[in-house]
Amino acid sequence: MIATAVQEVIWINQYLSELGLRDSEVPIIRSDNQAAIQIAANDTLHNRSKHIDIRYHFIRQIVKEGGVVVTYVNTREQEADINTKGLSVSTFKQIRDKLLTQS
């Protein structure tokens, strides 16, 4: 869930700032939910999405302030799935190998 990831990024950045270790780069959150990304990034959808949970308004505010960048990643390339879903052996190996070869 993007909202949880944004909360964690904010907490980690605050903690690292207190330690004097904060990086100046804006964190990137990769999601395979295109609708959630559009709602989080687009203020013009506000009039049609007033019923949407407060967490999307929170994400929209953080994105607008430049605290994080939310980008789309294809479901087949979503590396977080290795920790959150039951995967087929081939998909597990593909993501595992991708994670092991990143530097």
Foldseek 3Di string as FASTA:
>chain_A
DVLVVLVVLVVVQVVCVVVVRHDPDAAEAEDQDPVLLCLLQDPVCCVVPVVDDVSSVVSNVCVVVRNHHYYYDHPLQPLCCLVPHDDDPVSNVVSVVVVVPDD
